[in-house]
C-alpha atoms as a PDB file:
ATOM      1  CA  UNK A   1      53.830  72.684   4.455  1.00  0.00           C
ATOM      2  CA  UNK A   2      50.791  71.613   5.989  1.00  0.00           C
ATOM      3  CA  UNK A   3      48.190  73.378   7.174  1.00  0.00           C
ATOM      4  CA  UNK A   4      46.174  72.548  10.477  1.00  0.00           C
ATOM      5  CA  UNK A   5      42.798  73.726  12.136  1.00  0.00           C
ATOM      6  CA  UNK A   6      41.645  73.217  15.323  1.00  0.00           C
ATOM      7  CA  UNK A   7      38.080  74.290  15.880  1.00  0.00           C
ATOM      8  CA  UNK A   8      36.327  74.249  19.469  1.00  0.00           C
ATOM      9  CA  UNK A   9      32.689  75.327  20.318  1.00  0.00           C
ATOM     10  CA  UNK A  10      33.258  74.297  23.920  1.00  0.00           C
ATOM     11  CA  UNK A  11      32.757  77.672  26.392  1.00  0.00           C
ATOM     12  CA  UNK A  12      35.140  76.679  28.912  1.00  0.00           C
ATOM     13  CA  UNK A  13      38.544  76.371  26.369  1.00  0.00           C
ATOM     14  CA  UNK A  14      39.197  80.005  27.680  1.00  0.00           C
ATOM     15  CA  UNK A  15      38.910  79.608  31.315  1.00  0.00           C
ATOM     16  CA  UNK A  16      40.714  76.396  31.148  1.00  0.00           C
ATOM     17  CA  UNK A  17      43.350  77.545  28.814  1.00  0.00           C
ATOM     18  CA  UNK A  18      44.231  80.700  31.433  1.00  0.00           C
ATOM     19  CA  UNK A  19      43.825  78.467  34.462  1.00  0.00           C
ATOM     20  CA  UNK A  20      46.616  76.202  32.627  1.00  0.00           C
ATOM     21  CA  UNK A  21      48.652  79.138  31.824  1.00  0.00           C
ATOM     22  CA  UNK A  22      48.635  80.160  35.211  1.00  0.00           C
ATOM     23  CA  UNK A  23      49.871  76.310  36.271  1.00  0.00           C
ATOM     24  CA  UNK A  24      52.726  76.433  34.012  1.00  0.00           C
ATOM     25  CA  UNK A  25      54.649  79.600  34.771  1.00  0.00           C
ATOM     26  CA  UNK A  26      57.795  77.743  36.151  1.00  0.00           C
ATOM     27  CA  UNK A  27      57.504  74.488  34.375  1.00  0.00           C
ATOM     28  CA  UNK A  28      60.367  73.357  32.491  1.00  0.00           C
ATOM     29  CA  UNK A  29      60.269  72.933  28.571  1.00  0.00           C
ATOM     30  CA  UNK A  30      60.006  69.064  28.944  1.00  0.00           C
ATOM     31  CA  UNK A  31      56.690  69.531  31.122  1.00  0.00           C
ATOM     32  CA  UNK A  32      55.598  72.375  28.590  1.00  0.00           C
ATOM     33  CA  UNK A  33      56.103  69.692  26.064  1.00  0.00           C
ATOM     34  CA  UNK A  34      54.265  67.196  27.770  1.00  0.00           C
ATOM     35  CA  UNK A  35      51.136  69.551  28.824  1.00  0.00           C
ATOM     36  CA  UNK A  36      50.970  70.813  24.975  1.00  0.00           C
ATOM     37  CA  UNK A  37      50.386  67.110  24.068  1.00  0.00           C
ATOM     38  CA  UNK A  38      47.961  66.463  27.072  1.00  0.00           C
ATOM     39  CA  UNK A  39      45.930  69.362  25.686  1.00  0.00           C
ATOM     40  CA  UNK A  40      46.002  68.057  22.435  1.00  0.00           C
ATOM     41  CA  UNK A  41      44.820  64.978  23.464  1.00  0.00           C
ATOM     42  CA  UNK A  42      42.027  66.469  25.286  1.00  0.00           C
ATOM     43  CA  UNK A  43      40.910  68.567  22.172  1.00  0.00           C
ATOM     44  CA  UNK A  44      41.128  65.346  20.053  1.00  0.00           C
ATOM     45  CA  UNK A  45      38.850  63.822  22.267  1.00  0.00           C
ATOM     46  CA  UNK A  46      36.138  66.768  22.986  1.00  0.00           C
ATOM     47  CA  UNK A  47      33.361  65.922  20.964  1.00  0.00           C
ATOM     48  CA  UNK A  48      33.061  70.210  20.256  1.00  0.00           C
ATOM     49  CA  UNK A  49      36.662  70.173  18.744  1.00  0.00           C
ATOM     50  CA  UNK A  50      38.216  69.052  15.853  1.00  0.00           C
ATOM     51  CA  UNK A  51      41.857  68.953  14.901  1.00  0.00           C
ATOM     52  CA  UNK A  52      43.334  68.130  11.343  1.00  0.00           C
ATOM     53  CA  UNK A  53      46.440  68.500   9.474  1.00  0.00           C
ATOM     54  CA  UNK A  54      50.384  68.145  11.145  1.00  0.00           C
ATOM     55  CA  UNK A  55      50.074  67.062  14.686  1.00  0.00           C
ATOM     56  CA  UNK A  56      53.450  68.643  15.030  1.00  0.00           C
ATOM     57  CA  UNK A  57      52.343  72.065  14.048  1.00  0.00           C
ATOM     58  CA  UNK A  58      49.484  72.383  16.384  1.00  0.00           C
ATOM     59  CA  UNK A  59      51.916  71.509  19.346  1.00  0.00           C
ATOM     60  CA  UNK A  60      54.130  74.175  18.419  1.00  0.00           C
ATOM     61  CA  UNK A  61      51.026  76.597  18.200  1.00  0.00           C
ATOM     62  CA  UNK A  62      49.856  75.380  21.986  1.00  0.00           C
ATOM     63  CA  UNK A  63      53.313  76.079  23.568  1.00  0.00           C
ATOM     64  CA  UNK A  64      53.781  79.587  21.581  1.00  0.00           C
ATOM     65  CA  UNK A  65      50.005  80.505  22.712  1.00  0.00           C
ATOM     66  CA  UNK A  66      51.051  78.757  26.526  1.00  0.00           C
ATOM     67  CA  UNK A  67      54.050  81.050  26.025  1.00  0.00           C
ATOM     68  CA  UNK A  68      52.560  84.208  25.111  1.00  0.00           C
ATOM     69  CA  UNK A  69      49.583  84.196  27.463  1.00  0.00           C
ATOM     70  CA  UNK A  70      52.302  83.196  30.030  1.00  0.00           C
ATOM     71  CA  UNK A  71      54.405  86.228  29.211  1.00  0.00           C
ATOM     72  CA  UNK A  72      51.024  88.606  29.069  1.00  0.00           C
ATOM     73  CA  UNK A  73      50.145  87.361  32.471  1.00  0.00           C
ATOM     74  CA  UNK A  74      53.781  88.066  34.017  1.00  0.00           C
ATOM     75  CA  UNK A  75      53.152  91.393  32.686  1.00  0.00           C
ATOM     76  CA  UNK A  76      50.027  91.494  34.285  1.00  0.00           C
ATOM     77  CA  UNK A  77      51.128  90.583  37.359  1.00  0.00           C
ATOM     78  CA  UNK A  78      54.252  93.230  37.655  1.00  0.00           C
ATOM     79  CA  UNK A  79      51.674  95.897  36.795  1.00  0.00           C
ATOM     80  CA  UNK A  80      49.273  95.213  39.713  1.00  0.00           C
ATOM     81  CA  UNK A  81      52.194  94.694  42.217  1.00  0.00           C
ATOM     82  CA  UNK A  82      54.023  97.909  41.565  1.00  0.00           C
ATOM     83  CA  UNK A  83      50.426  99.678  41.562  1.00  0.00           C
ATOM     84  CA  UNK A  84      49.727  98.157  44.787  1.00  0.00           C
ATOM     85  CA  UNK A  85      53.183  99.017  46.475  1.00  0.00           C
ATOM     86  CA  UNK A  86      52.785 102.779  45.235  1.00  0.00           C
ATOM     87  CA  UNK A  87      49.270 103.011  47.364  1.00  0.00           C
ATOM     88  CA  UNK A  88      50.009 105.528  50.249  1.00  0.00           C
ATOM     89  CA  UNK A  89      49.258 103.215  52.625  1.00  0.00           C
ATOM     90  CA  UNK A  90      51.396 100.096  52.933  1.00  0.00           C
ATOM     91  CA  UNK A  91      49.770  96.947  52.276  1.00  0.00           C
ATOM     92  CA  UNK A  92      51.051  93.488  53.447  1.00  0.00           C
ATOM     93  CA  UNK A  93      51.231  90.996  50.892  1.00  0.00           C
ATOM     94  CA  UNK A  94      49.162  88.102  51.560  1.00  0.00           C
ATOM     95  CA  UNK A  95      46.967  90.054  53.775  1.00  0.00           C
ATOM     96  CA  UNK A  96      43.278  89.422  52.825  1.00  0.00           C
ATOM     97  CA  UNK A  97      43.000  93.472  51.630  1.00  0.00           C
ATOM     98  CA  UNK A  98      46.341  92.528  49.538  1.00  0.00           C
ATOM     99  CA  UNK A  99      45.001  89.351  48.051  1.00  0.00           C
ATOM    100  CA  UNK A 100      41.636  91.161  47.310  1.00  0.00           C
ATOM    101  CA  UNK A 101      43.037  94.307  45.373  1.00  0.00           C
ATOM    102  CA  UNK A 102      45.809  91.933  43.708  1.00  0.00           C
ATOM    103  CA  UNK A 103      42.986  89.536  42.219  1.00  0.00           C
ATOM    104  CA  UNK A 104      40.630  92.768  41.274  1.00  0.00           C
ATOM    105  CA  UNK A 105      43.814  94.382  40.040  1.00  0.00           C
ATOM    106  CA  UNK A 106      44.716  91.394  37.839  1.00  0.00           C
ATOM    107  CA  UNK A 107      40.858  91.230  36.726  1.00  0.00           C
ATOM    108  CA  UNK A 108      41.351  95.036  35.696  1.00  0.00           C
ATOM    109  CA  UNK A 109      44.001  94.625  33.628  1.00  0.00           C
ATOM    110  CA  UNK A 110      43.172  91.470  32.045  1.00  0.00           C
ATOM    111  CA  UNK A 111      39.926  92.827  30.816  1.00  0.00           C
ATOM    112  CA  UNK A 112      41.968  96.201  29.610  1.00  0.00           C
ATOM    113  CA  UNK A 113      43.922  93.601  27.063  1.00  0.00           C
ATOM    114  CA  UNK A 114      41.017  91.993  26.057  1.00  0.00           C
ATOM    115  CA  UNK A 115      39.577  95.266  24.818  1.00  0.00           C
ATOM    116  CA  UNK A 116      42.509  96.696  23.042  1.00  0.00           C
ATOM    117  CA  UNK A 117      42.772  93.067  21.179  1.00  0.00           C
ATOM    118  CA  UNK A 118      45.789  92.244  19.431  1.00  0.00           C
END
């Protein structure tokens, strides 16, 4: 079994992957596979990244990370929605107030998870 290595010095990788994971929440396996290939090709073309080793393993790792991130995003969504539903004053989903509180709640939960680490 060959090892693989992806190194990246791009400051935008984390925010880009976060956006990508939100976009693929409802994607099929075929689309997730396609997206993994797109990400791998982008990494290979990036001057700040280097990919070595078995590309199949790299693709599987990209899909695993995406799935993990999606699961975490889903959990954050569930927690924040539950919190908003528990307010004594009803909030209406889609309203400016609900959207602001939802966004702030998601940011707070994400910060908590980053601090807690793996």
